[in-house]
Amino acid sequence: MRCVEFQAKASGKTFFSAAAGDWAAVTGYYRLIEKPDESKVAPEAILATHRARTEQRMRKQATVLCIQDGTDLNFAPHPLREGLDEIGKNRNSKGALGLHLHSTLAVAGDGIPLGVPRIEFSGPGDEGPKPGRWLRGWRDVGELKAGCARVVSVMDLEGDIFELFAARRDEDGPDLLVRAQNDRSLGPGGSKLFEDLHGSPERARMDIPLEFLSARNSARGQSASPGPDAGVASAALHWMEVDLAVPENLRGEFGTRPCRMRAVHALEDRPPDGAEPLEWMLLTTLPAGTEAEARDILRMYRLRWRIEDWRRILKSGCKAERIKRAAAINAVIA
């Protein structure tokens, strides 16, 4: 589409500025994004060709990581804000208006971006529990995996949802690689995930580069994290097979059969003075019985930060202003 060409060449500008006086292009662009909601010009339709091309690129790869993540598009400063939802509270406890964007970024095993096969918006009137979008994203990855040797669905802490592990237990879906947030009960013995990992013997060591972690804006109340010159974290590695027990409140839906997973734990046990130690507790359905396999899982999880880069470009570089349709166009550009 011509609108993509214009915007990609001047991603930091509005489309009006990027078109540089091409009034036909400007008129066509705003007609496109101002279409009524019931029209066929929906974000899914805008992404359809890009999704097909992404699938083609995926088939040429031995390993593809489909990274899921969510973010909020804050449109509080804009004068036209109809149809938006309260997406969070700022430091003064005032609600900000916007939309939640849940997306999947596909990258090759070496981290090269392959495309954005799926984006999902939620706003006022959208129904369904929070686990729904993570499950929908995972099942969508299953539709994309045909022809690829290995497809892994990668998620951060928010993806630590038992419903997702149970779905992988019961369905023939893509592998999971999720950072653990919940200290889950294990098997019939009643032990806990974090305690067992911390108490297990060190099995190897790994130097984990930290240049991929972005410095955060402490003025917004966020904790600082290592920036481009953060160096390397020397981490102790632990790994084991675990059986995640079904929570009591979900046994009516999922029964009592546990979910067999592999846990890989990396802990920076000698951090620099004053630095927060790096610690990842990862749950995966990938093989993790050897040091090489554990290292490969950690290497794959490091690539999760690709979606952080993409999201930063989408929100800051492309300056999505016409919400859903503009965000769908800018998602491809980013």
Foldseek 3Di string as FASTA:
>chain_A
DVLLVQCLVQLQDDSVVSVPPPVVVVVVVCVLLPDDPPDPSFLLVLCVVQLVQLLVVQLVAQEKEWEKDKDWQFPQVPPDQPQWAFDDAAPVRDTTTTKMKIWIWIAGLVLHTSGTNDIDIDGPPDDDDPLVVVQVSQVVVQVSCPNHNAYEYEYEAVNQDVVNLLCVVVDVTHKYKYWHDDQFAFDPPRDTDVVVQVPDDFDDKDKAADQLDDFDDCVRVDDGDDHNPNGIFIWGKDKDKTWGFDDPVCCVPRNTGTRIWMWMWTWRPDDPPPHDIDITIITIRDDDPDPVRSVSSVSSNSSSSSVVVLVCCLCRRNVQDSHRSSSSSSSRSD
